[in-house]
């Protein structure tokens, strides 16, 4: 009998999809003010912009979630993780109802190798029960039933009570280390 694979839940916005880059680009396009990623450090995304109401409008604008840039390295590392783990994309989509279909379309374009069975669009991630959760929001990580892994973002830079990864390269290294440790413990 084949052993069951461990599970990884991966957040979409801010983890595989670069929301910060999209907000910076759209704000610069519409207001001529260029906010840097450094300007966003330690602040919730809206608070980093002079007119934070516009940020909430963007999140309700058709096309916002559909055109998010992919985080560098995310596609390749997620494909690698799928060899040894059951990977799920878990994204909060209920707060911004337009995002439901756009997020699905985005995943079909950039991550077509992830089955629809492994895509979970929800409102509250505390119901997710996986071995690992990679997320950028503390509100999700604090209630993680498995091992929480915080993906670096400006808004979480001052938080240090979860293991942090800064890039998808660091995610690869972390899971290689976990895999190697498991193999050595099995011997």
N, C-alpha and C. Protein backbone atom coordinates (compact mmCIF):
# COMPACT_ATOMS: atom_id res chain seq x y z
N UNK A 1 0.85 -1.19 0.00
CA UNK A 1 0.00 0.00 0.00
C UNK A 1 0.88 1.25 0.00
N UNK A 2 0.53 2.19 -0.85
CA UNK A 2 1.30 3.43 -0.99
C UNK A 2 1.03 4.37 0.19
N UNK A 3 2.09 4.98 0.70
CA UNK A 3 1.93 5.95 1.79
C UNK A 3 1.23 7.19 1.29
N UNK A 4 0.37 7.76 2.13
CA UNK A 4 -0.32 9.01 1.80
C UNK A 4 0.68 10.16 1.84
N UNK A 5 0.60 11.02 0.85
CA UNK A 5 1.48 12.19 0.81
C UNK A 5 1.05 13.21 1.85
N UNK A 6 2.02 13.95 2.37
CA UNK A 6 1.69 15.09 3.21
C UNK A 6 1.06 16.17 2.33
N UNK A 7 0.35 17.10 2.96
CA UNK A 7 -0.39 18.13 2.23
C UNK A 7 0.17 19.52 2.50
N UNK A 8 0.14 20.34 1.46
CA UNK A 8 0.55 21.74 1.57
C UNK A 8 -0.58 22.60 1.01
N UNK A 9 -1.04 23.56 1.80
CA UNK A 9 -1.98 24.58 1.32
C UNK A 9 -1.15 25.82 1.01
N UNK A 10 -1.36 26.37 -0.17
CA UNK A 10 -0.63 27.57 -0.60
C UNK A 10 -1.63 28.67 -0.90
N UNK A 11 -1.46 29.79 -0.25
CA UNK A 11 -2.28 30.96 -0.50
C UNK A 11 -1.98 31.49 -1.89
N UNK A 12 -2.93 32.21 -2.46
CA UNK A 12 -2.74 32.77 -3.79
C UNK A 12 -2.21 34.21 -3.71
N UNK A 13 -3.03 35.13 -3.19
CA UNK A 13 -2.69 36.55 -3.20
C UNK A 13 -1.52 36.84 -2.26
N UNK A 14 -0.45 37.38 -2.81
CA UNK A 14 0.72 37.71 -2.00
C UNK A 14 1.69 36.56 -1.85
N UNK A 15 1.35 35.38 -2.39
CA UNK A 15 2.22 34.22 -2.27
C UNK A 15 2.60 33.68 -3.65
N UNK A 16 1.61 33.34 -4.47
CA UNK A 16 1.93 32.95 -5.85
C UNK A 16 1.55 34.07 -6.82
N UNK A 17 0.69 34.97 -6.40
CA UNK A 17 0.26 36.12 -7.21
C UNK A 17 0.72 37.40 -6.51
N UNK A 18 1.37 38.27 -7.25
CA UNK A 18 2.01 39.46 -6.67
C UNK A 18 1.05 40.64 -6.59
N UNK A 19 0.27 40.68 -5.53
CA UNK A 19 -0.71 41.77 -5.31
C UNK A 19 0.00 43.10 -5.09
N UNK A 20 1.10 43.10 -4.34
CA UNK A 20 1.82 44.35 -4.08
C UNK A 20 2.24 45.02 -5.39
N UNK A 21 2.80 44.25 -6.31
CA UNK A 21 3.24 44.81 -7.60
C UNK A 21 2.06 45.39 -8.37
N UNK A 22 0.93 44.69 -8.36
CA UNK A 22 -0.26 45.17 -9.07
C UNK A 22 -0.77 46.47 -8.46
N UNK A 23 -0.84 46.55 -7.13
CA UNK A 23 -1.29 47.77 -6.47
C UNK A 23 -0.36 48.94 -6.79
N UNK A 24 0.93 48.70 -6.73
CA UNK A 24 1.92 49.75 -7.04
C UNK A 24 1.74 50.23 -8.48
N UNK A 25 1.62 49.29 -9.41
CA UNK A 25 1.47 49.64 -10.83
C UNK A 25 0.18 50.41 -11.10
N UNK A 26 -0.92 49.92 -10.56
CA UNK A 26 -2.19 50.57 -10.82
C UNK A 26 -2.24 51.96 -10.18
N UNK A 27 -1.71 52.10 -8.99
CA UNK A 27 -1.73 53.40 -8.31
C UNK A 27 -0.87 54.40 -9.09
N UNK A 28 0.28 53.96 -9.55
CA UNK A 28 1.15 54.83 -10.34
C UNK A 28 0.47 55.22 -11.65
N UNK A 29 -0.15 54.26 -12.31
CA UNK A 29 -0.87 54.51 -13.57
C UNK A 29 -1.97 55.55 -13.38
N UNK A 30 -2.75 55.43 -12.30
CA UNK A 30 -3.92 56.28 -12.10
C UNK A 30 -3.63 57.59 -11.38
N UNK A 31 -2.56 57.65 -10.58
CA UNK A 31 -2.31 58.83 -9.75
C UNK A 31 -0.94 59.46 -9.95
N UNK A 32 -0.10 58.81 -10.74
CA UNK A 32 1.23 59.36 -11.01
C UNK A 32 2.18 59.34 -9.83
N UNK A 33 1.81 58.62 -8.78
CA UNK A 33 2.66 58.52 -7.59
C UNK A 33 3.19 57.09 -7.51
N UNK A 34 4.50 56.98 -7.46
CA UNK A 34 5.13 55.67 -7.40
C UNK A 34 5.45 55.32 -5.95
N UNK A 35 4.76 54.33 -5.45
CA UNK A 35 5.01 53.80 -4.10
C UNK A 35 5.99 52.64 -4.27
N UNK A 36 7.00 52.58 -3.43
CA UNK A 36 7.96 51.47 -3.53
C UNK A 36 7.56 50.35 -2.57
N UNK A 37 8.12 49.19 -2.78
CA UNK A 37 7.89 48.08 -1.84
C UNK A 37 8.41 48.45 -0.45
N UNK A 38 9.48 49.23 -0.40
CA UNK A 38 10.02 49.67 0.89
C UNK A 38 9.01 50.55 1.62
N UNK A 39 8.24 51.35 0.88
CA UNK A 39 7.21 52.19 1.48
C UNK A 39 6.11 51.36 2.13
N UNK A 40 5.98 50.10 1.72
CA UNK A 40 4.91 49.24 2.20
C UNK A 40 5.30 48.44 3.45
N UNK A 41 6.57 48.49 3.82
CA UNK A 41 7.06 47.68 4.93
C UNK A 41 6.39 48.08 6.24
N UNK A 42 5.82 47.09 6.90
CA UNK A 42 5.20 47.29 8.21
C UNK A 42 3.81 47.88 8.18
N UNK A 43 3.20 47.99 6.99
CA UNK A 43 1.87 48.61 6.88
C UNK A 43 0.90 47.67 6.16
N UNK A 44 -0.35 47.65 6.57
CA UNK A 44 -1.35 46.96 5.75
C UNK A 44 -1.35 47.60 4.36
N UNK A 45 -1.58 46.82 3.32
CA UNK A 45 -1.45 47.34 1.96
C UNK A 45 -2.12 48.70 1.75
N UNK A 46 -3.40 48.89 2.12
CA UNK A 46 -4.04 50.18 1.85
C UNK A 46 -3.34 51.36 2.53
N UNK A 47 -2.80 51.15 3.72
CA UNK A 47 -2.17 52.23 4.48
C UNK A 47 -0.87 52.73 3.86
N UNK A 48 -0.32 52.00 2.91
CA UNK A 48 0.93 52.41 2.27
C UNK A 48 0.69 53.43 1.15
N UNK A 49 -0.56 53.68 0.81
CA UNK A 49 -0.90 54.58 -0.30
C UNK A 49 -1.58 55.83 0.22
N UNK A 50 -1.30 56.99 -0.40
CA UNK A 50 -1.91 58.25 0.06
C UNK A 50 -3.44 58.20 0.09
N UNK A 51 -4.05 57.57 -0.92
CA UNK A 51 -5.50 57.43 -0.96
C UNK A 51 -5.83 55.95 -0.82
N UNK A 52 -6.03 55.51 0.41
CA UNK A 52 -6.24 54.08 0.63
C UNK A 52 -7.60 53.59 0.14
N UNK A 53 -8.57 54.48 -0.02
CA UNK A 53 -9.88 54.07 -0.53
C UNK A 53 -9.76 53.53 -1.96
N UNK A 54 -8.83 54.08 -2.73
CA UNK A 54 -8.62 53.62 -4.10
C UNK A 54 -8.19 52.16 -4.11
N UNK A 55 -7.42 51.76 -3.13
CA UNK A 55 -6.95 50.37 -3.06
C UNK A 55 -8.14 49.43 -2.91
N UNK A 56 -9.11 49.79 -2.07
CA UNK A 56 -10.32 48.97 -1.93
C UNK A 56 -11.12 48.95 -3.24
N UNK A 57 -11.12 50.07 -3.96
CA UNK A 57 -11.79 50.11 -5.27
C UNK A 57 -11.11 49.16 -6.25
N UNK A 58 -9.77 49.14 -6.26
CA UNK A 58 -9.05 48.24 -7.15
C UNK A 58 -9.45 46.78 -6.92
N UNK A 59 -9.59 46.42 -5.65
CA UNK A 59 -9.93 45.04 -5.31
C UNK A 59 -11.33 44.65 -5.78
N UNK A 60 -12.15 45.65 -6.11
CA UNK A 60 -13.50 45.42 -6.63
C UNK A 60 -13.57 45.63 -8.15
N UNK A 61 -12.44 45.98 -8.77
CA UNK A 61 -12.42 46.31 -10.19
C UNK A 61 -12.26 45.06 -11.05
N UNK A 62 -13.14 44.89 -12.05
CA UNK A 62 -12.96 43.75 -12.96
C UNK A 62 -11.56 43.78 -13.58
N UNK A 63 -10.93 42.63 -13.60
CA UNK A 63 -9.60 42.50 -14.18
C UNK A 63 -8.46 42.57 -13.19
N UNK A 64 -8.71 43.08 -11.99
CA UNK A 64 -7.61 43.21 -11.03
C UNK A 64 -6.98 41.86 -10.72
N UNK A 65 -7.77 40.91 -10.29
CA UNK A 65 -7.22 39.60 -9.91
C UNK A 65 -6.82 38.77 -11.13
N UNK A 66 -7.45 39.01 -12.24
CA UNK A 66 -7.16 38.24 -13.45
C UNK A 66 -5.78 38.57 -14.01
N UNK A 67 -5.29 39.78 -13.75
CA UNK A 67 -4.03 40.23 -14.37
C UNK A 67 -2.87 40.34 -13.39
N UNK A 68 -2.99 39.73 -12.22
CA UNK A 68 -1.89 39.78 -11.25
C UNK A 68 -0.63 39.13 -11.82
N UNK A 69 0.54 39.72 -11.57
CA UNK A 69 1.79 39.06 -11.98
C UNK A 69 2.03 37.83 -11.11
N UNK A 70 2.72 36.85 -11.68
CA UNK A 70 3.10 35.65 -10.93
C UNK A 70 4.36 35.96 -10.13
N UNK A 71 4.41 35.48 -8.90
CA UNK A 71 5.62 35.63 -8.08
C UNK A 71 6.77 34.86 -8.74
N UNK A 72 7.95 35.47 -8.79
CA UNK A 72 9.09 34.79 -9.40
C UNK A 72 9.38 33.44 -8.74
N UNK A 73 9.51 32.42 -9.57
CA UNK A 73 9.85 31.08 -9.11
C UNK A 73 8.67 30.24 -8.64
N UNK A 74 7.49 30.84 -8.49
CA UNK A 74 6.35 30.12 -7.93
C UNK A 74 5.94 28.92 -8.78
N UNK A 75 5.85 29.10 -10.07
CA UNK A 75 5.38 28.01 -10.94
C UNK A 75 6.30 26.80 -10.83
N UNK A 76 7.59 27.02 -10.96
CA UNK A 76 8.56 25.92 -10.96
C UNK A 76 8.58 25.21 -9.60
N UNK A 77 8.58 25.97 -8.52
CA UNK A 77 8.67 25.35 -7.19
C UNK A 77 7.38 24.60 -6.86
N UNK A 78 6.22 25.15 -7.20
CA UNK A 78 4.97 24.44 -6.95
C UNK A 78 4.97 23.11 -7.71
N UNK A 79 5.43 23.12 -8.96
CA UNK A 79 5.52 21.87 -9.72
C UNK A 79 6.43 20.86 -9.02
N UNK A 80 7.56 21.32 -8.50
CA UNK A 80 8.48 20.43 -7.78
C UNK A 80 7.83 19.87 -6.52
N UNK A 81 7.13 20.72 -5.77
CA UNK A 81 6.47 20.28 -4.54
C UNK A 81 5.43 19.20 -4.82
N UNK A 82 4.77 19.30 -5.95
CA UNK A 82 3.71 18.36 -6.29
C UNK A 82 4.25 16.94 -6.49
N UNK A 83 5.53 16.77 -6.69
CA UNK A 83 6.11 15.43 -6.84
C UNK A 83 6.06 14.66 -5.51
N UNK A 84 6.19 15.37 -4.39
CA UNK A 84 6.26 14.73 -3.09
C UNK A 84 5.10 15.05 -2.15
N UNK A 85 4.28 16.04 -2.50
CA UNK A 85 3.19 16.49 -1.62
C UNK A 85 1.90 16.64 -2.43
N UNK A 86 0.78 16.54 -1.73
CA UNK A 86 -0.50 16.94 -2.31
C UNK A 86 -0.63 18.43 -2.06
N UNK A 87 -0.64 19.20 -3.13
CA UNK A 87 -0.64 20.66 -3.05
C UNK A 87 -2.03 21.20 -3.36
N UNK A 88 -2.48 22.12 -2.51
CA UNK A 88 -3.77 22.79 -2.68
C UNK A 88 -3.54 24.29 -2.72
N UNK A 89 -4.23 24.96 -3.62
CA UNK A 89 -4.25 26.42 -3.62
C UNK A 89 -5.48 26.81 -2.81
N UNK A 90 -5.25 27.59 -1.76
CA UNK A 90 -6.33 27.99 -0.86
C UNK A 90 -6.36 29.51 -0.85
N UNK A 91 -7.46 30.07 -1.32
CA UNK A 91 -7.53 31.53 -1.42
C UNK A 91 -8.87 32.04 -0.89
N UNK A 92 -8.79 33.11 -0.13
CA UNK A 92 -10.00 33.77 0.36
C UNK A 92 -10.57 34.56 -0.82
N UNK A 93 -11.75 34.16 -1.26
CA UNK A 93 -12.33 34.80 -2.44
C UNK A 93 -13.72 35.38 -2.17
N UNK A 94 -14.23 35.20 -1.00
CA UNK A 94 -15.60 35.61 -0.74
C UNK A 94 -15.74 37.10 -0.43
N UNK A 95 -14.69 37.72 0.09
CA UNK A 95 -14.76 39.15 0.43
C UNK A 95 -14.90 40.00 -0.83
N UNK A 96 -14.28 39.55 -1.91
CA UNK A 96 -14.35 40.26 -3.19
C UNK A 96 -14.94 39.31 -4.23
N UNK A 97 -16.27 39.27 -4.34
CA UNK A 97 -16.94 38.26 -5.16
C UNK A 97 -16.48 38.21 -6.62
N UNK A 98 -16.09 39.35 -7.20
CA UNK A 98 -15.59 39.33 -8.57
C UNK A 98 -14.34 38.46 -8.70
N UNK A 99 -13.62 38.31 -7.61
CA UNK A 99 -12.36 37.60 -7.66
C UNK A 99 -12.53 36.09 -7.88
N UNK A 100 -13.67 35.54 -7.54
CA UNK A 100 -13.86 34.10 -7.66
C UNK A 100 -13.48 33.57 -9.04
N UNK A 101 -14.18 34.05 -10.06
CA UNK A 101 -13.93 33.56 -11.42
C UNK A 101 -12.57 34.03 -11.94
N UNK A 102 -12.20 35.26 -11.62
CA UNK A 102 -10.90 35.77 -12.08
C UNK A 102 -9.74 34.95 -11.51
N UNK A 103 -9.84 34.58 -10.24
CA UNK A 103 -8.78 33.77 -9.64
C UNK A 103 -8.72 32.40 -10.30
N UNK A 104 -9.86 31.82 -10.59
CA UNK A 104 -9.89 30.53 -11.27
C UNK A 104 -9.25 30.64 -12.66
N UNK A 105 -9.62 31.67 -13.40
CA UNK A 105 -9.02 31.89 -14.73
C UNK A 105 -7.51 32.08 -14.63
N UNK A 106 -7.07 32.86 -13.66
CA UNK A 106 -5.65 33.12 -13.45
C UNK A 106 -4.91 31.82 -13.18
N UNK A 107 -5.46 30.99 -12.31
CA UNK A 107 -4.84 29.71 -11.99
C UNK A 107 -4.80 28.81 -13.23
N UNK A 108 -5.85 28.80 -14.03
CA UNK A 108 -5.86 27.99 -15.25
C UNK A 108 -4.79 28.43 -16.23
N UNK A 109 -4.52 29.73 -16.28
CA UNK A 109 -3.49 30.25 -17.18
C UNK A 109 -2.08 29.94 -16.66
N UNK A 110 -1.83 30.24 -15.41
CA UNK A 110 -0.46 30.17 -14.88
C UNK A 110 -0.11 28.84 -14.19
N UNK A 111 -1.10 28.15 -13.66
CA UNK A 111 -0.89 26.89 -12.95
C UNK A 111 -1.85 25.82 -13.48
N UNK A 112 -1.85 25.59 -14.80
CA UNK A 112 -2.81 24.65 -15.38
C UNK A 112 -2.62 23.20 -14.90
N UNK A 113 -1.49 22.91 -14.31
CA UNK A 113 -1.18 21.58 -13.82
C UNK A 113 -1.84 21.29 -12.46
N UNK A 114 -2.49 22.29 -11.87
CA UNK A 114 -3.21 22.08 -10.60
C UNK A 114 -4.66 21.76 -10.93
N UNK A 115 -5.11 20.61 -10.48
CA UNK A 115 -6.47 20.17 -10.74
C UNK A 115 -7.48 21.08 -10.04
N UNK A 116 -8.66 21.19 -10.63
CA UNK A 116 -9.74 21.96 -9.98
C UNK A 116 -10.06 21.37 -8.61
N UNK A 117 -9.77 20.07 -8.42
CA UNK A 117 -10.02 19.43 -7.13
C UNK A 117 -9.08 19.96 -6.04
N UNK A 118 -7.99 20.58 -6.45
CA UNK A 118 -6.99 21.08 -5.51
C UNK A 118 -7.03 22.60 -5.38
N UNK A 119 -8.14 23.20 -5.78
CA UNK A 119 -8.34 24.64 -5.63
C UNK A 119 -9.48 24.86 -4.66
N UNK A 120 -9.18 25.58 -3.57
CA UNK A 120 -10.18 25.84 -2.54
C UNK A 120 -10.36 27.35 -2.41
N UNK A 121 -11.54 27.82 -2.76
CA UNK A 121 -11.86 29.24 -2.61
C UNK A 121 -12.83 29.34 -1.43
N UNK A 122 -12.42 30.10 -0.43
CA UNK A 122 -13.19 30.11 0.81
C UNK A 122 -13.28 31.52 1.38
N UNK A 123 -13.88 31.61 2.53
CA UNK A 123 -13.95 32.87 3.25
C UNK A 123 -13.08 32.85 4.50
N UNK A 124 -12.97 31.70 5.13
CA UNK A 124 -12.24 31.57 6.40
C UNK A 124 -11.29 30.37 6.29
N UNK A 125 -10.01 30.64 6.29
CA UNK A 125 -9.02 29.57 6.11
C UNK A 125 -8.79 28.75 7.36
N UNK A 126 -9.41 29.10 8.47
CA UNK A 126 -9.19 28.32 9.69
C UNK A 126 -9.77 26.91 9.55
N UNK A 127 -10.60 26.67 8.56
CA UNK A 127 -11.16 25.34 8.33
C UNK A 127 -10.19 24.43 7.57
N UNK A 128 -9.13 24.99 7.04
CA UNK A 128 -8.16 24.22 6.26
C UNK A 128 -7.31 23.37 7.21
N UNK A 129 -7.19 22.09 6.87
CA UNK A 129 -6.46 21.15 7.73
C UNK A 129 -5.41 20.42 6.89
N UNK A 130 -4.30 21.10 6.65
CA UNK A 130 -3.19 20.51 5.89
C UNK A 130 -1.96 20.43 6.79
N UNK A 131 -0.98 19.68 6.33
CA UNK A 131 0.26 19.54 7.11
C UNK A 131 1.05 20.84 7.16
N UNK A 132 0.96 21.63 6.07
CA UNK A 132 1.68 22.90 5.97
C UNK A 132 0.74 23.94 5.36
N UNK A 133 0.92 25.20 5.75
CA UNK A 133 0.22 26.32 5.14
C UNK A 133 1.24 27.40 4.84
N UNK A 134 1.34 27.77 3.57
CA UNK A 134 2.20 28.89 3.16
C UNK A 134 1.26 30.06 2.87
N UNK A 135 1.39 31.12 3.65
CA UNK A 135 0.46 32.25 3.56
C UNK A 135 1.20 33.52 3.98
N UNK A 136 0.70 34.67 3.57
CA UNK A 136 1.33 35.93 3.96
C UNK A 136 0.56 36.64 5.07
N UNK A 137 -0.61 36.14 5.42
CA UNK A 137 -1.42 36.83 6.43
C UNK A 137 -1.44 36.07 7.75
N UNK A 138 -1.09 36.78 8.79
CA UNK A 138 -1.03 36.24 10.13
C UNK A 138 -2.38 35.71 10.59
N UNK A 139 -3.47 36.34 10.14
CA UNK A 139 -4.81 35.90 10.53
C UNK A 139 -5.08 34.47 10.08
N UNK A 140 -4.40 34.02 9.04
CA UNK A 140 -4.54 32.64 8.57
C UNK A 140 -3.52 31.72 9.25
N UNK A 141 -2.32 32.21 9.40
CA UNK A 141 -1.24 31.39 9.97
C UNK A 141 -1.46 31.08 11.44
N UNK A 142 -2.02 32.03 12.19
CA UNK A 142 -2.23 31.83 13.62
C UNK A 142 -3.20 30.68 13.90
N UNK A 143 -4.05 30.36 12.95
CA UNK A 143 -5.03 29.29 13.16
C UNK A 143 -4.71 28.04 12.35
N UNK A 144 -3.53 27.99 11.78
CA UNK A 144 -3.10 26.86 10.98
C UNK A 144 -3.05 25.60 11.84
N UNK A 145 -3.66 24.53 11.35
CA UNK A 145 -3.69 23.27 12.09
C UNK A 145 -2.38 22.49 11.91
N UNK A 146 -1.64 22.77 10.84
CA UNK A 146 -0.36 22.12 10.59
C UNK A 146 0.78 23.07 10.91
N UNK A 147 1.80 23.06 10.08
CA UNK A 147 2.97 23.91 10.28
C UNK A 147 2.82 25.19 9.46
N UNK A 148 2.71 26.35 10.11
CA UNK A 148 2.56 27.61 9.39
C UNK A 148 3.90 28.10 8.84
N UNK A 149 3.88 28.57 7.60
CA UNK A 149 5.07 29.14 6.97
C UNK A 149 4.64 30.49 6.38
N UNK A 150 5.25 31.55 6.88
CA UNK A 150 4.88 32.91 6.49
C UNK A 150 5.68 33.36 5.27
N UNK A 151 4.97 33.65 4.18
CA UNK A 151 5.61 34.18 2.99
C UNK A 151 5.76 35.69 3.18
N UNK A 152 6.96 36.17 2.98
CA UNK A 152 7.29 37.57 3.25
C UNK A 152 6.45 38.54 2.41
N UNK A 153 5.97 39.58 3.08
CA UNK A 153 5.25 40.68 2.43
C UNK A 153 5.49 41.93 3.27
N UNK A 154 5.29 43.08 2.67
CA UNK A 154 5.48 44.33 3.41
C UNK A 154 4.65 44.38 4.68
N UNK A 155 3.40 43.95 4.59
CA UNK A 155 2.48 44.05 5.73
C UNK A 155 2.83 43.11 6.88
N UNK A 156 3.66 42.06 6.63
CA UNK A 156 3.98 41.15 7.73
C UNK A 156 5.44 41.24 8.18
N UNK A 157 6.13 42.26 7.72
CA UNK A 157 7.57 42.36 8.00
C UNK A 157 7.90 42.53 9.48
N UNK A 158 6.96 43.00 10.28
CA UNK A 158 7.22 43.20 11.71
C UNK A 158 6.76 42.03 12.57
N UNK A 159 6.34 40.95 11.93
CA UNK A 159 5.83 39.78 12.64
C UNK A 159 6.90 38.71 12.62
N UNK A 160 7.16 38.11 13.78
CA UNK A 160 8.25 37.13 13.80
C UNK A 160 7.91 35.83 14.52
N UNK A 161 6.64 35.54 14.75
CA UNK A 161 6.33 34.32 15.48
C UNK A 161 5.96 33.14 14.59
N UNK A 162 6.25 33.25 13.30
CA UNK A 162 6.10 32.11 12.38
C UNK A 162 7.38 32.02 11.54
N UNK A 163 7.67 30.82 11.09
CA UNK A 163 8.82 30.66 10.20
C UNK A 163 8.56 31.44 8.93
N UNK A 164 9.57 32.22 8.49
CA UNK A 164 9.43 33.09 7.33
C UNK A 164 10.22 32.54 6.15
N UNK A 165 9.63 32.66 4.97
CA UNK A 165 10.35 32.46 3.71
C UNK A 165 10.18 33.74 2.90
N UNK A 166 11.25 34.17 2.27
CA UNK A 166 11.23 35.43 1.53
C UNK A 166 10.98 35.26 0.04
N UNK A 167 11.31 34.10 -0.49
CA UNK A 167 11.19 33.85 -1.92
C UNK A 167 10.76 32.41 -2.15
N UNK A 168 10.42 32.11 -3.40
CA UNK A 168 10.10 30.73 -3.74
C UNK A 168 11.35 29.86 -3.73
N UNK A 169 12.51 30.44 -3.94
CA UNK A 169 13.75 29.68 -3.78
C UNK A 169 13.92 29.21 -2.34
N UNK A 170 13.55 30.05 -1.39
CA UNK A 170 13.62 29.65 0.02
C UNK A 170 12.58 28.59 0.35
N UNK A 171 11.43 28.63 -0.32
CA UNK A 171 10.42 27.57 -0.13
C UNK A 171 11.01 26.25 -0.60
N UNK A 172 11.64 26.26 -1.77
CA UNK A 172 12.27 25.05 -2.30
C UNK A 172 13.29 24.49 -1.30
N UNK A 173 14.16 25.35 -0.79
CA UNK A 173 15.19 24.92 0.16
C UNK A 173 14.57 24.34 1.42
N UNK A 174 13.56 25.02 1.96
CA UNK A 174 12.90 24.56 3.18
C UNK A 174 12.33 23.15 2.98
N UNK A 175 11.61 22.93 1.90
CA UNK A 175 10.99 21.62 1.69
C UNK A 175 12.01 20.55 1.30
N UNK A 176 13.11 20.94 0.68
CA UNK A 176 14.20 19.98 0.46
C UNK A 176 14.77 19.55 1.80
N UNK A 177 14.96 20.51 2.72
CA UNK A 177 15.47 20.19 4.06
C UNK A 177 14.50 19.29 4.82
N UNK A 178 13.20 19.59 4.72
CA UNK A 178 12.18 18.76 5.39
C UNK A 178 12.21 17.34 4.82
N UNK A 179 12.28 17.23 3.52
CA UNK A 179 12.31 15.91 2.87
C UNK A 179 13.55 15.13 3.28
N UNK A 180 14.71 15.80 3.29
CA UNK A 180 15.96 15.14 3.67
C UNK A 180 15.94 14.71 5.13
N UNK A 181 15.36 15.53 6.00
CA UNK A 181 15.26 15.18 7.41
C UNK A 181 14.35 13.96 7.59
N UNK A 182 13.24 13.94 6.86
CA UNK A 182 12.32 12.80 6.94
C UNK A 182 13.00 11.51 6.48
N UNK A 183 13.78 11.60 5.42
CA UNK A 183 14.49 10.42 4.92
C UNK A 183 15.52 9.93 5.92
N UNK A 184 16.24 10.85 6.56
CA UNK A 184 17.26 10.45 7.53
C UNK A 184 16.64 9.86 8.79
N UNK A 185 15.45 10.36 9.17
CA UNK A 185 14.76 9.82 10.34
C UNK A 185 14.18 8.44 10.05
N UNK A 186 13.88 8.16 8.79
CA UNK A 186 13.30 6.87 8.40
C UNK A 186 14.36 5.77 8.38
N UNK A 187 15.62 6.15 8.32
CA UNK A 187 16.71 5.16 8.23
C UNK A 187 17.00 4.54 9.57
